[in-house]
C-alpha atoms as a PDB file:
ATOM      1  CA  MET A   1     -13.177   4.302  13.190  1.00  0.00           C
ATOM      2  CA  ILE A   2     -13.988   5.850   9.839  1.00  0.00           C
ATOM      3  CA  VAL A   3     -13.023   3.529   6.989  1.00  0.00           C
ATOM      4  CA  ARG A   4     -12.628   4.767   3.426  1.00  0.00           C
ATOM      5  CA  ARG A   5     -11.797   2.701   0.381  1.00  0.00           C
ATOM      6  CA  HIS A   6      -9.631   4.306  -2.271  1.00  0.00           C
ATOM      7  CA  THR A   7     -11.355   4.571  -5.635  1.00  0.00           C
ATOM      8  CA  PRO A   8      -9.473   6.579  -8.255  1.00  0.00           C
ATOM      9  CA  ARG A   9     -11.308   9.475  -9.875  1.00  0.00           C
ATOM     10  CA  ARG A  10     -11.851   9.548 -13.630  1.00  0.00           C
ATOM     11  CA  ALA A  11      -8.899  11.803 -14.381  1.00  0.00           C
ATOM     12  CA  SER A  12      -6.068  13.496 -12.508  1.00  0.00           C
ATOM     13  CA  ILE A  13      -3.955  16.596 -12.999  1.00  0.00           C
ATOM     14  CA  ARG A  14      -1.083  14.277 -13.918  1.00  0.00           C
ATOM     15  CA  GLU A  15      -3.203  12.749 -16.687  1.00  0.00           C
ATOM     16  CA  LEU A  16      -4.196  16.204 -17.947  1.00  0.00           C
ATOM     17  CA  ALA A  17      -0.542  17.277 -17.920  1.00  0.00           C
ATOM     18  CA  ARG A  18       0.478  14.191 -19.886  1.00  0.00           C
ATOM     19  CA  ARG A  19      -2.296  14.678 -22.473  1.00  0.00           C
ATOM     20  CA  THR A  20      -1.607  18.385 -22.967  1.00  0.00           C
ATOM     21  CA  GLY A  21       2.191  18.252 -22.811  1.00  0.00           C
ATOM     22  CA  LEU A  22       2.330  20.719 -19.912  1.00  0.00           C
ATOM     23  CA  SER A  23       3.699  20.482 -16.404  1.00  0.00           C
ATOM     24  CA  THR A  24       1.373  19.568 -13.532  1.00  0.00           C
ATOM     25  CA  ALA A  25       2.068  22.992 -12.003  1.00  0.00           C
ATOM     26  CA  SER A  26       0.947  24.771 -15.195  1.00  0.00           C
ATOM     27  CA  VAL A  27      -2.224  22.692 -15.449  1.00  0.00           C
ATOM     28  CA  SER A  28      -3.013  23.335 -11.789  1.00  0.00           C
ATOM     29  CA  LEU A  29      -2.659  27.113 -12.244  1.00  0.00           C
ATOM     30  CA  ILE A  30      -4.867  27.123 -15.349  1.00  0.00           C
ATOM     31  CA  LEU A  31      -7.602  25.099 -13.638  1.00  0.00           C
ATOM     32  CA  ARG A  32      -7.556  27.638 -10.803  1.00  0.00           C
ATOM     33  CA  ASN A  33      -7.698  30.451 -13.368  1.00  0.00           C
ATOM     34  CA  LYS A  34      -4.300  31.760 -12.295  1.00  0.00           C
ATOM     35  CA  GLY A  35      -0.930  32.284 -13.940  1.00  0.00           C
ATOM     36  CA  ARG A  36      -0.067  33.826 -17.292  1.00  0.00           C
ATOM     37  CA  ALA A  37      -0.837  31.044 -19.754  1.00  0.00           C
ATOM     38  CA  ARG A  38      -1.791  32.008 -23.295  1.00  0.00           C
ATOM     39  CA  PRO A  39      -5.510  31.831 -24.178  1.00  0.00           C
ATOM     40  CA  GLU A  40      -4.994  28.907 -26.575  1.00  0.00           C
ATOM     41  CA  THR A  41      -3.158  26.977 -23.848  1.00  0.00           C
ATOM     42  CA  ARG A  42      -5.996  27.631 -21.425  1.00  0.00           C
ATOM     43  CA  ARG A  43      -8.534  26.445 -24.001  1.00  0.00           C
ATOM     44  CA  LYS A  44      -6.527  23.268 -24.607  1.00  0.00           C
ATOM     45  CA  VAL A  45      -6.433  22.418 -20.885  1.00  0.00           C
ATOM     46  CA  VAL A  46     -10.113  23.206 -20.284  1.00  0.00           C
ATOM     47  CA  THR A  47     -11.187  21.216 -23.358  1.00  0.00           C
ATOM     48  CA  MET A  48      -9.125  18.206 -22.314  1.00  0.00           C
ATOM     49  CA  ALA A  49     -10.450  18.436 -18.729  1.00  0.00           C
ATOM     50  CA  LYS A  50     -14.032  18.314 -20.030  1.00  0.00           C
ATOM     51  CA  ARG A  51     -13.234  15.436 -22.385  1.00  0.00           C
ATOM     52  CA  LEU A  52     -11.693  13.359 -19.585  1.00  0.00           C
ATOM     53  CA  GLY A  53     -14.436  14.243 -17.103  1.00  0.00           C
ATOM     54  CA  TYR A  54     -12.022  15.911 -14.716  1.00  0.00           C
ATOM     55  CA  VAL A  55     -13.660  17.231 -11.555  1.00  0.00           C
ATOM     56  CA  VAL A  56     -11.792  19.377  -9.050  1.00  0.00           C
ATOM     57  CA  ASN A  57     -11.030  17.219  -6.021  1.00  0.00           C
ATOM     58  CA  ALA A  58     -12.099  19.174  -2.947  1.00  0.00           C
ATOM     59  CA  GLN A  59      -9.694  17.222  -0.756  1.00  0.00           C
ATOM     60  CA  VAL A  60      -6.736  18.015  -2.990  1.00  0.00           C
ATOM     61  CA  ALA A  61      -7.774  21.679  -3.172  1.00  0.00           C
ATOM     62  CA  GLU A  62      -7.818  21.729   0.618  1.00  0.00           C
ATOM     63  CA  MET A  63      -4.350  20.165   0.788  1.00  0.00           C
ATOM     64  CA  MET A  64      -2.982  22.644  -1.720  1.00  0.00           C
ATOM     65  CA  SER A  65      -4.285  25.527   0.377  1.00  0.00           C
ATOM     66  CA  VAL A  66      -2.135  24.215   3.239  1.00  0.00           C
ATOM     67  CA  VAL A  67       0.945  24.118   1.021  1.00  0.00           C
ATOM     68  CA  ARG A  68       0.312  27.581  -0.466  1.00  0.00           C
ATOM     69  CA  ASN A  69      -0.307  29.152   2.934  1.00  0.00           C
ATOM     70  CA  GLN A  70       2.791  27.515   4.377  1.00  0.00           C
ATOM     71  CA  SER A  71       4.938  28.491   1.391  1.00  0.00           C
ATOM     72  CA  ARG A  72       4.472  32.164   2.165  1.00  0.00           C
ATOM     73  CA  ASN A  73       6.969  31.637   4.976  1.00  0.00           C
ATOM     74  CA  THR A  74       8.646  28.275   4.454  1.00  0.00           C
ATOM     75  CA  GLU A  75       8.185  24.955   2.653  1.00  0.00           C
ATOM     76  CA  GLU A  76       5.756  22.470   4.224  1.00  0.00           C
ATOM     77  CA  VAL A  77       7.785  19.471   5.393  1.00  0.00           C
ATOM     78  CA  ILE A  78       6.339  16.135   6.451  1.00  0.00           C
ATOM     79  CA  GLY A  79       8.440  13.945   8.713  1.00  0.00           C
ATOM     80  CA  LEU A  80       8.956  10.336   7.581  1.00  0.00           C
ATOM     81  CA  VAL A  81       9.452   8.035  10.558  1.00  0.00           C
ATOM     82  CA  SER A  82       8.990   4.470  11.768  1.00  0.00           C
ATOM     83  CA  LEU A  83       9.243   2.392  14.929  1.00  0.00           C
ATOM     84  CA  TYR A  84      11.724   0.002  13.324  1.00  0.00           C
ATOM     85  CA  PRO A  85      15.093  -0.487  15.064  1.00  0.00           C
ATOM     86  CA  TYR A  86      16.957   0.963  12.065  1.00  0.00           C
ATOM     87  CA  ALA A  87      16.899   4.374  10.490  1.00  0.00           C
ATOM     88  CA  ARG A  88      15.704   3.793   6.913  1.00  0.00           C
ATOM     89  CA  PRO A  89      13.454   0.733   6.485  1.00  0.00           C
ATOM     90  CA  TRP A  90      12.710   1.792   2.897  1.00  0.00           C
ATOM     91  CA  GLU A  91      16.337   0.929   2.069  1.00  0.00           C
ATOM     92  CA  ARG A  92      15.948  -2.598   3.530  1.00  0.00           C
ATOM     93  CA  TYR A  93      12.532  -3.716   2.271  1.00  0.00           C
ATOM     94  CA  SER A  94      11.382  -3.394  -1.327  1.00  0.00           C
ATOM     95  CA  HIS A  95       7.742  -2.660  -0.457  1.00  0.00           C
ATOM     96  CA  TYR A  96       8.781   0.233   1.787  1.00  0.00           C
ATOM     97  CA  GLY A  97      11.045   1.430  -0.993  1.00  0.00           C
ATOM     98  CA  GLU A  98       8.048   1.626  -3.329  1.00  0.00           C
ATOM     99  CA  ILE A  99       5.943   3.338  -0.660  1.00  0.00           C
ATOM    100  CA  TYR A 100       8.723   5.880  -0.109  1.00  0.00           C
ATOM    101  CA  LEU A 101       8.912   6.680  -3.835  1.00  0.00           C
ATOM    102  CA  GLY A 102       5.148   7.136  -4.062  1.00  0.00           C
ATOM    103  CA  ALA A 103       5.130   9.436  -1.030  1.00  0.00           C
ATOM    104  CA  ARG A 104       8.152  11.424  -2.185  1.00  0.00           C
ATOM    105  CA  ASP A 105       6.758  11.991  -5.664  1.00  0.00           C
ATOM    106  CA  ARG A 106       3.296  12.979  -4.418  1.00  0.00           C
ATOM    107  CA  ALA A 107       4.802  15.397  -1.902  1.00  0.00           C
ATOM    108  CA  ALA A 108       6.817  17.035  -4.685  1.00  0.00           C
ATOM    109  CA  GLU A 109       3.700  17.332  -6.864  1.00  0.00           C
ATOM    110  CA  LEU A 110       1.880  19.079  -4.031  1.00  0.00           C
ATOM    111  CA  GLY A 111       4.754  21.477  -3.342  1.00  0.00           C
ATOM    112  CA  CYS A 112       6.070  19.982  -0.118  1.00  0.00           C
ATOM    113  CA  ARG A 113       8.738  17.431   0.767  1.00  0.00           C
ATOM    114  CA  LEU A 114       9.555  14.537   3.066  1.00  0.00           C
ATOM    115  CA  GLU A 115      12.341  14.567   5.632  1.00  0.00           C
ATOM    116  CA  PRO A 116      13.384  11.329   7.388  1.00  0.00           C
ATOM    117  CA  PHE A 117      13.839  11.034  11.149  1.00  0.00           C
ATOM    118  CA  TRP A 118      14.637   8.038  13.346  1.00  0.00           C
ATOM    119  CA  ILE A 119      12.400   7.735  16.406  1.00  0.00           C
ATOM    120  CA  LEU A 120      14.354   4.843  17.973  1.00  0.00           C
ATOM    121  CA  ASP A 121      17.789   6.385  17.426  1.00  0.00           C
ATOM    122  CA  PRO A 122      19.827   5.106  20.411  1.00  0.00           C
ATOM    123  CA  GLN A 123      21.896   8.313  20.331  1.00  0.00           C
ATOM    124  CA  GLN A 124      18.883  10.600  20.736  1.00  0.00           C
ATOM    125  CA  ARG A 125      15.956  10.736  23.145  1.00  0.00           C
ATOM    126  CA  VAL A 126      12.452  11.051  21.698  1.00  0.00           C
ATOM    127  CA  GLN A 127      11.996  14.360  23.531  1.00  0.00           C
ATOM    128  CA  ARG A 128      14.994  15.711  21.630  1.00  0.00           C
ATOM    129  CA  LEU A 129      13.401  14.619  18.337  1.00  0.00           C
ATOM    130  CA  ARG A 130      10.191  16.399  19.343  1.00  0.00           C
ATOM    131  CA  ASN A 131      12.119  19.624  19.874  1.00  0.00           C
ATOM    132  CA  ILE A 132      13.815  19.258  16.472  1.00  0.00           C
ATOM    133  CA  LEU A 133      10.451  18.785  14.758  1.00  0.00           C
ATOM    134  CA  HIS A 134       9.076  21.900  16.431  1.00  0.00           C
ATOM    135  CA  THR A 135      12.165  23.934  15.527  1.00  0.00           C
ATOM    136  CA  ARG A 136      11.717  22.960  11.870  1.00  0.00           C
ATOM    137  CA  ALA A 137       7.973  23.758  11.968  1.00  0.00           C
ATOM    138  CA  ILE A 138       7.056  20.180  11.056  1.00  0.00           C
ATOM    139  CA  ARG A 139       3.387  19.521  11.789  1.00  0.00           C
ATOM    140  CA  GLY A 140       2.742  16.166  10.107  1.00  0.00           C
ATOM    141  CA  LEU A 141       4.359  12.722  10.406  1.00  0.00           C
ATOM    142  CA  ILE A 142       4.040   9.665   8.172  1.00  0.00           C
ATOM    143  CA  CYS A 143       5.034   6.490   9.985  1.00  0.00           C
ATOM    144  CA  LEU A 144       6.024   3.299   8.151  1.00  0.00           C
ATOM    145  CA  GLY A 145       4.813   1.168  11.041  1.00  0.00           C
ATOM    146  CA  ALA A 146       6.754  -1.174  13.303  1.00  0.00           C
ATOM    147  CA  ALA A 147       8.185  -4.682  13.311  1.00  0.00           C
ATOM    148  CA  ASP A 148       6.166  -5.338  16.480  1.00  0.00           C
ATOM    149  CA  MET A 149       2.435  -5.313  15.727  1.00  0.00           C
ATOM    150  CA  HIS A 150       1.740  -4.254  19.316  1.00  0.00           C
ATOM    151  CA  ALA A 151       4.218  -1.378  19.507  1.00  0.00           C
ATOM    152  CA  ILE A 152       3.030   1.819  21.223  1.00  0.00           C
ATOM    153  CA  TRP A 153       3.335   5.283  19.698  1.00  0.00           C
ATOM    154  CA  PRO A 154       5.633   7.526  21.806  1.00  0.00           C
ATOM    155  CA  ARG A 155       3.610   9.937  23.935  1.00  0.00           C
ATOM    156  CA  GLU A 156       6.240  12.632  23.266  1.00  0.00           C
ATOM    157  CA  LEU A 157       5.132  12.688  19.595  1.00  0.00           C
ATOM    158  CA  ALA A 158       1.380  12.494  20.160  1.00  0.00           C
ATOM    159  CA  GLU A 159       0.685  16.150  19.275  1.00  0.00           C
ATOM    160  CA  PHE A 160       1.380  15.942  15.519  1.00  0.00           C
ATOM    161  CA  ALA A 161      -0.871  15.049  12.576  1.00  0.00           C
ATOM    162  CA  ILE A 162       0.093  11.368  12.279  1.00  0.00           C
ATOM    163  CA  VAL A 163      -0.601   8.879   9.491  1.00  0.00           C
ATOM    164  CA  ASN A 164       0.532   5.279   9.958  1.00  0.00           C
ATOM    165  CA  LEU A 165       1.161   2.926   7.022  1.00  0.00           C
ATOM    166  CA  GLY A 166      -0.417  -0.467   7.607  1.00  0.00           C
ATOM    167  CA  LEU A 167      -1.998  -2.051  10.669  1.00  0.00           C
ATOM    168  CA  SER A 168       0.969  -2.353  13.024  1.00  0.00           C
ATOM    169  CA  ILE A 169       1.255  -0.205  16.193  1.00  0.00           C
ATOM    170  CA  ALA A 170      -1.493  -0.750  18.755  1.00  0.00           C
ATOM    171  CA  THR A 171      -2.080   2.965  19.487  1.00  0.00           C
ATOM    172  CA  PRO A 172      -5.175   4.343  17.692  1.00  0.00           C
ATOM    173  CA  LEU A 173      -3.810   6.259  14.682  1.00  0.00           C
ATOM    174  CA  HIS A 174      -5.053   7.477  11.318  1.00  0.00           C
ATOM    175  CA  ARG A 175      -3.967   4.878   8.767  1.00  0.00           C
ATOM    176  CA  VAL A 176      -3.473   4.089   5.102  1.00  0.00           C
ATOM    177  CA  ALA A 177      -3.290   0.337   4.495  1.00  0.00           C
ATOM    178  CA  SER A 178      -3.351  -2.228   1.745  1.00  0.00           C
ATOM    179  CA  TRP A 179      -6.874  -3.604   1.288  1.00  0.00           C
ATOM    180  CA  ALA A 180      -6.028  -7.205   2.185  1.00  0.00           C
ATOM    181  CA  THR A 181      -9.625  -8.443   2.129  1.00  0.00           C
ATOM    182  CA  ASP A 182     -10.252  -7.122  -1.373  1.00  0.00           C
ATOM    183  CA  ASN A 183      -6.912  -8.455  -2.593  1.00  0.00           C
ATOM    184  CA  ALA A 184      -7.712 -11.944  -1.303  1.00  0.00           C
ATOM    185  CA  VAL A 185     -11.237 -11.934  -2.746  1.00  0.00           C
ATOM    186  CA  HIS A 186      -9.975 -10.693  -6.126  1.00  0.00           C
ATOM    187  CA  LEU A 187      -7.361 -13.445  -6.336  1.00  0.00           C
ATOM    188  CA  LEU A 188      -9.812 -16.174  -5.260  1.00  0.00           C
ATOM    189  CA  ASN A 189     -12.347 -15.003  -7.842  1.00  0.00           C
ATOM    190  CA  GLU A 190      -9.583 -15.283 -10.451  1.00  0.00           C
ATOM    191  CA  LEU A 191      -9.082 -18.912  -9.417  1.00  0.00           C
ATOM    192  CA  VAL A 192     -12.806 -19.634  -9.735  1.00  0.00           C
ATOM    193  CA  ALA A 193     -12.899 -18.025 -13.194  1.00  0.00           C
ATOM    194  CA  ARG A 194      -9.966 -20.201 -14.300  1.00  0.00           C
ATOM    195  CA  GLY A 195     -11.644 -23.433 -13.218  1.00  0.00           C
ATOM    196  CA  TYR A 196      -9.632 -24.297 -10.121  1.00  0.00           C
ATOM    197  CA  ARG A 197     -11.455 -26.377  -7.504  1.00  0.00           C
ATOM    198  CA  ARG A 198      -8.934 -27.311  -4.772  1.00  0.00           C
ATOM    199  CA  PRO A 199      -6.877 -24.252  -3.841  1.00  0.00           C
ATOM    200  CA  GLY A 200      -4.231 -24.684  -1.165  1.00  0.00           C
ATOM    201  CA  LEU A 201      -2.893 -21.791   0.912  1.00  0.00           C
ATOM    202  CA  VAL A 202       0.689 -21.667   2.217  1.00  0.00           C
ATOM    203  CA  LEU A 203       0.834 -18.955   4.819  1.00  0.00           C
ATOM    204  CA  ARG A 204       3.296 -17.524   7.275  1.00  0.00           C
ATOM    205  CA  LEU A 205       1.494 -16.864  10.557  1.00  0.00           C
ATOM    206  CA  ARG A 206       3.405 -13.681  11.255  1.00  0.00           C
ATOM    207  CA  GLY A 207       2.672 -12.384   7.763  1.00  0.00           C
ATOM    208  CA  ASP A 208      -1.051 -13.032   8.133  1.00  0.00           C
ATOM    209  CA  ASP A 209      -0.983 -11.302  11.512  1.00  0.00           C
ATOM    210  CA  ARG A 210       0.043  -8.070   9.764  1.00  0.00           C
ATOM    211  CA  SER A 211      -3.209  -8.140   7.749  1.00  0.00           C
ATOM    212  CA  GLN A 212      -5.235  -8.983  10.881  1.00  0.00           C
ATOM    213  CA  HIS A 213      -5.683 -12.479   9.395  1.00  0.00           C
ATOM    214  CA  ALA A 214      -7.713 -11.168   6.465  1.00  0.00           C
ATOM    215  CA  TYR A 215      -6.005 -13.513   3.987  1.00  0.00           C
ATOM    216  CA  ALA A 216      -6.764 -16.632   6.025  1.00  0.00           C
ATOM    217  CA  ALA A 217     -10.320 -15.476   6.810  1.00  0.00           C
ATOM    218  CA  MET A 218     -11.231 -14.866   3.165  1.00  0.00           C
ATOM    219  CA  PHE A 219      -9.549 -18.078   2.065  1.00  0.00           C
ATOM    220  CA  LEU A 220     -11.349 -20.207   4.670  1.00  0.00           C
ATOM    221  CA  TYR A 221     -14.699 -18.635   3.748  1.00  0.00           C
ATOM    222  CA  HIS A 222     -14.159 -19.377   0.058  1.00  0.00           C
ATOM    223  CA  LEU A 223     -12.978 -22.917   0.806  1.00  0.00           C
ATOM    224  CA  ARG A 224     -16.171 -23.675   2.710  1.00  0.00           C
ATOM    225  CA  PHE A 225     -18.818 -21.886   0.665  1.00  0.00           C
ATOM    226  CA  ILE A 226     -17.387 -21.446  -2.850  1.00  0.00           C
ATOM    227  CA  PHE A 227     -14.997 -24.354  -3.395  1.00  0.00           C
ATOM    228  CA  GLN A 228     -16.778 -26.583  -0.836  1.00  0.00           C
ATOM    229  CA  GLN A 229     -13.508 -28.016   0.485  1.00  0.00           C
ATOM    230  CA  ARG A 230     -11.982 -28.735   3.900  1.00  0.00           C
ATOM    231  CA  SER A 231      -9.808 -26.359   5.916  1.00  0.00           C
ATOM    232  CA  GLU A 232      -6.839 -28.790   5.780  1.00  0.00           C
ATOM    233  CA  LEU A 233      -5.917 -27.076   2.517  1.00  0.00           C
ATOM    234  CA  VAL A 234      -4.290 -24.314   4.609  1.00  0.00           C
ATOM    235  CA  LEU A 235      -0.647 -24.904   5.559  1.00  0.00           C
ATOM    236  CA  TYR A 236       1.043 -22.611   8.090  1.00  0.00           C
ATOM    237  CA  VAL A 237       4.843 -22.569   7.721  1.00  0.00           C
ATOM    238  CA  ASP A 238       6.810 -19.692   9.247  1.00  0.00           C
ATOM    239  CA  GLU A 239      10.036 -21.116   7.791  1.00  0.00           C
ATOM    240  CA  TRP A 240      10.245 -23.324   4.726  1.00  0.00           C
ATOM    241  CA  ASN A 241      10.112 -27.055   5.529  1.00  0.00           C
ATOM    242  CA  ASN A 242      10.329 -29.222   2.421  1.00  0.00           C
ATOM    243  CA  SER A 243       9.274 -32.498   4.060  1.00  0.00           C
ATOM    244  CA  ARG A 244       6.283 -30.898   5.751  1.00  0.00           C
ATOM    245  CA  PHE A 245       5.233 -29.241   2.484  1.00  0.00           C
ATOM    246  CA  GLU A 246       5.570 -32.569   0.619  1.00  0.00           C
ATOM    247  CA  GLN A 247       3.432 -34.341   3.212  1.00  0.00           C
ATOM    248  CA  TRP A 248       0.753 -31.655   2.922  1.00  0.00           C
ATOM    249  CA  PHE A 249       0.899 -31.581  -0.896  1.00  0.00           C
ATOM    250  CA  ASP A 250       0.626 -35.369  -1.254  1.00  0.00           C
ATOM    251  CA  SER A 251      -2.186 -35.558   1.301  1.00  0.00           C
ATOM    252  CA  GLU A 252      -4.342 -32.666   0.072  1.00  0.00           C
ATOM    253  CA  SER A 253      -3.603 -32.658  -3.705  1.00  0.00           C
ATOM    254  CA  PRO A 254      -4.286 -28.960  -4.351  1.00  0.00           C
ATOM    255  CA  ASP A 255      -4.758 -27.970  -7.997  1.00  0.00           C
ATOM    256  CA  VAL A 256      -3.475 -24.432  -7.298  1.00  0.00           C
ATOM    257  CA  ILE A 257      -1.244 -23.113  -4.501  1.00  0.00           C
ATOM    258  CA  VAL A 258      -1.640 -19.595  -3.158  1.00  0.00           C
ATOM    259  CA  PHE A 259       1.096 -18.163  -0.959  1.00  0.00           C
ATOM    260  CA  TYR A 260       2.088 -14.992   0.855  1.00  0.00           C
ATOM    261  CA  HIS A 261       5.684 -13.658   0.701  1.00  0.00           C
ATOM    262  CA  HIS A 262       6.841 -14.666  -2.770  1.00  0.00           C
ATOM    263  CA  ASP A 263      10.452 -13.969  -1.773  1.00  0.00           C
ATOM    264  CA  ARG A 264      10.279 -16.783   0.800  1.00  0.00           C
ATOM    265  CA  TYR A 265       8.176 -19.422  -0.915  1.00  0.00           C
ATOM    266  CA  TYR A 266       8.187 -19.081  -4.697  1.00  0.00           C
ATOM    267  CA  GLN A 267      11.611 -20.590  -5.427  1.00  0.00           C
ATOM    268  CA  PRO A 268      11.307 -23.487  -2.902  1.00  0.00           C
ATOM    269  CA  ILE A 269       7.860 -24.378  -4.274  1.00  0.00           C
ATOM    270  CA  MET A 270       9.125 -24.250  -7.878  1.00  0.00           C
ATOM    271  CA  GLU A 271      12.100 -26.460  -6.960  1.00  0.00           C
ATOM    272  CA  PHE A 272       9.710 -28.882  -5.272  1.00  0.00           C
ATOM    273  CA  MET A 273       7.513 -28.993  -8.394  1.00  0.00           C
ATOM    274  CA  ARG A 274      10.502 -29.637 -10.652  1.00  0.00           C
ATOM    275  CA  HIS A 275      11.700 -32.423  -8.363  1.00  0.00           C
ATOM    276  CA  LYS A 276       8.227 -34.033  -8.363  1.00  0.00           C
ATOM    277  CA  LYS A 277       7.918 -33.476 -12.143  1.00  0.00           C
ATOM    278  CA  VAL A 278       4.683 -31.487 -11.619  1.00  0.00           C
ATOM    279  CA  ALA A 279       4.047 -29.068 -14.491  1.00  0.00           C
ATOM    280  CA  VAL A 280       3.228 -25.427 -13.659  1.00  0.00           C
ATOM    281  CA  PRO A 281       0.602 -24.307 -14.608  1.00  0.00           C
ATOM    282  CA  GLY A 282      -0.355 -27.462 -16.540  1.00  0.00           C
ATOM    283  CA  LYS A 283      -0.895 -29.678 -13.487  1.00  0.00           C
ATOM    284  CA  VAL A 284      -0.803 -27.205 -10.588  1.00  0.00           C
ATOM    285  CA  GLY A 285      -1.134 -23.415 -10.648  1.00  0.00           C
ATOM    286  CA  LEU A 286       0.747 -20.944  -8.457  1.00  0.00           C
ATOM    287  CA  ALA A 287      -0.420 -17.486  -7.330  1.00  0.00           C
ATOM    288  CA  CYS A 288       0.923 -14.917  -4.890  1.00  0.00           C
ATOM    289  CA  LEU A 289      -1.121 -12.659  -2.620  1.00  0.00           C
ATOM    290  CA  ASP A 290       1.315  -9.907  -1.777  1.00  0.00           C
ATOM    291  CA  GLY A 291       3.698  -9.512  -4.695  1.00  0.00           C
ATOM    292  CA  VAL A 292       5.490  -6.154  -4.469  1.00  0.00           C
ATOM    293  CA  ARG A 293       7.846  -6.875  -7.336  1.00  0.00           C
ATOM    294  CA  PRO A 294       6.988 -10.458  -8.297  1.00  0.00           C
ATOM    295  CA  PRO A 295       9.041 -12.269 -10.934  1.00  0.00           C
ATOM    296  CA  PRO A 296       7.463 -11.525 -14.344  1.00  0.00           C
ATOM    297  CA  GLU A 297       6.205 -15.100 -14.712  1.00  0.00           C
ATOM    298  CA  LEU A 298       4.469 -15.271 -11.300  1.00  0.00           C
ATOM    299  CA  SER A 299       0.731 -14.531 -11.295  1.00  0.00           C
ATOM    300  CA  ALA A 300      -0.003 -12.252  -8.345  1.00  0.00           C
ATOM    301  CA  ARG A 301      -2.323  -9.760  -6.701  1.00  0.00           C
ATOM    302  CA  ARG A 302       0.179  -6.988  -5.986  1.00  0.00           C
ATOM    303  CA  GLN A 303      -0.036  -4.430  -3.221  1.00  0.00           C
ATOM    304  CA  HIS A 304      -0.237  -0.936  -4.712  1.00  0.00           C
ATOM    305  CA  CYS A 305       2.762   0.313  -2.731  1.00  0.00           C
ATOM    306  CA  ARG A 306       3.212   3.600  -4.566  1.00  0.00           C
ATOM    307  CA  GLY A 307      -0.495   4.249  -4.105  1.00  0.00           C
ATOM    308  CA  LEU A 308      -0.053   3.708  -0.361  1.00  0.00           C
ATOM    309  CA  GLY A 309       2.690   6.333  -0.312  1.00  0.00           C
ATOM    310  CA  THR A 310       0.607   8.744  -2.384  1.00  0.00           C
ATOM    311  CA  ARG A 311      -2.445   8.450  -0.163  1.00  0.00           C
ATOM    312  CA  SER A 312      -0.404   8.782   3.053  1.00  0.00           C
ATOM    313  CA  VAL A 313       0.890  12.202   1.944  1.00  0.00           C
ATOM    314  CA  GLU A 314      -2.598  13.313   0.940  1.00  0.00           C
ATOM    315  CA  MET A 315      -4.064  12.199   4.263  1.00  0.00           C
ATOM    316  CA  ALA A 316      -1.294  13.944   6.242  1.00  0.00           C
ATOM    317  CA  LEU A 317      -1.917  17.237   4.427  1.00  0.00           C
ATOM    318  CA  THR A 318      -5.669  16.877   4.885  1.00  0.00           C
ATOM    319  CA  LEU A 319      -5.219  16.359   8.630  1.00  0.00           C
ATOM    320  CA  ILE A 320      -3.044  19.489   8.804  1.00  0.00           C
ATOM    321  CA  SER A 321      -5.589  21.505   6.813  1.00  0.00           C
ATOM    322  CA  GLN A 322      -8.295  20.436   9.258  1.00  0.00           C
ATOM    323  CA  SER A 323      -6.073  21.098  12.323  1.00  0.00           C
ATOM    324  CA  ASP A 324      -6.541  17.427  13.189  1.00  0.00           C
ATOM    325  CA  PHE A 325      -3.545  17.046  15.479  1.00  0.00           C
ATOM    326  CA  GLY A 326      -2.958  14.508  18.239  1.00  0.00           C
ATOM    327  CA  LEU A 327      -4.109  10.934  18.764  1.00  0.00           C
ATOM    328  CA  PRO A 328      -7.604  10.485  17.284  1.00  0.00           C
ATOM    329  CA  THR A 329     -10.645   9.302  19.191  1.00  0.00           C
ATOM    330  CA  LEU A 330     -12.191   8.244  15.860  1.00  0.00           C
ATOM    331  CA  PRO A 331      -9.321   7.210  13.541  1.00  0.00           C
ATOM    332  CA  LYS A 332      -9.634   7.496   9.770  1.00  0.00           C
ATOM    333  CA  VAL A 333      -8.535   4.401   7.861  1.00  0.00           C
ATOM    334  CA  GLU A 334      -8.155   4.344   4.085  1.00  0.00           C
ATOM    335  CA  PHE A 335      -7.719   1.021   2.277  1.00  0.00           C
ATOM    336  CA  VAL A 336      -5.904   0.965  -1.058  1.00  0.00           C
ATOM    337  CA  PRO A 337      -6.739  -1.958  -3.392  1.00  0.00           C
ATOM    338  CA  GLY A 338      -3.991  -3.900  -5.113  1.00  0.00           C
ATOM    339  CA  VAL A 339      -3.430  -4.523  -8.819  1.00  0.00           C
ATOM    340  CA  TRP A 340      -3.475  -7.779 -10.773  1.00  0.00           C
ATOM    341  CA  HIS A 341      -0.262  -9.096 -12.343  1.00  0.00           C
ATOM    342  CA  GLU A 342      -1.136 -11.782 -14.895  1.00  0.00           C
ATOM    343  CA  GLY A 343       2.112 -13.754 -15.061  1.00  0.00           C
ATOM    344  CA  ARG A 344       2.267 -17.301 -16.463  1.00  0.00           C
ATOM    345  CA  THR A 345       1.780 -19.568 -13.441  1.00  0.00           C
ATOM    346  CA  LEU A 346      -2.016 -19.836 -13.725  1.00  0.00           C
ATOM    347  CA  ARG A 347      -3.946 -21.321 -16.611  1.00  0.00           C
ATOM    348  CA  GLY A 348      -6.021 -18.958 -18.712  1.00  0.00           C
ATOM    349  CA  ARG A 349      -9.646 -18.033 -18.136  1.00  0.00           C
ATOM    350  CA  GLY A 350     -12.294 -20.165 -19.799  1.00  0.00           C
END
């Protein structure tokens, strides 16, 4: 498995377009010395590119060659699919909604588009979907994963250039995933910098399973070697249980509580703190590990969902450009780091 970590380059075509007041398409043409832009416009773009340290991204150039070659006959279309038991998971889950927007916008920037299909449609066999994809000349698929971590990719769709979002689906696939290890380490380092010494972790087992237990692994390592505390500071609760949480809180006395799934745990924990008259962040801090759209006051390490969508489109086009079709023997995996949301539920640094 080839693993790549996403590190943004110094400047992008979007940044150049914003700085010069031009469209991304115009900037792209000028940088490729094409189009009919006026000399002064060309000079403005080239000067700004040098100032920002813009370097032509070979991968993007390769992707664009796919789109340009395809556009001579028809628009390049990437199929958007999942192994969920409903047609449009991005309309049910906010993080998939953000991923969808990132993928849609990046596809439009690169001159192609997404088209949704439902693999598990009970009214249509997978073989029929395969025929539809071929008829529409669709060569690449972006999959939003599956509810079942151990789901198997349909053999009828194994011949396409496939990119899976996240770590679900047991079949070896090229993937773009949130960098759970880095997100956990970043958040824990924030706690150290803010003087916390007894962090507690409230974790849903099924949620941690979707990161291959990276959150728990990093937390347990930091408990033992950085905070020098016992592992009892980890509480596994798949469904909220107030009495169990109170027993754990009173027994372990954490000075900061980290949790996964803010939509499940943030409000119950805040209600518990109000009932116990425990000030947040004065007495106990709160931080979230996976905030997609956390409440403004909640300190969180957010998944970069739009970045996941962006990178999935770029990887799909790269696979097509390299004629990398079918199930891989050496999958490529790209991890996208999250972003820090300051909030007001942790005390300040220093």
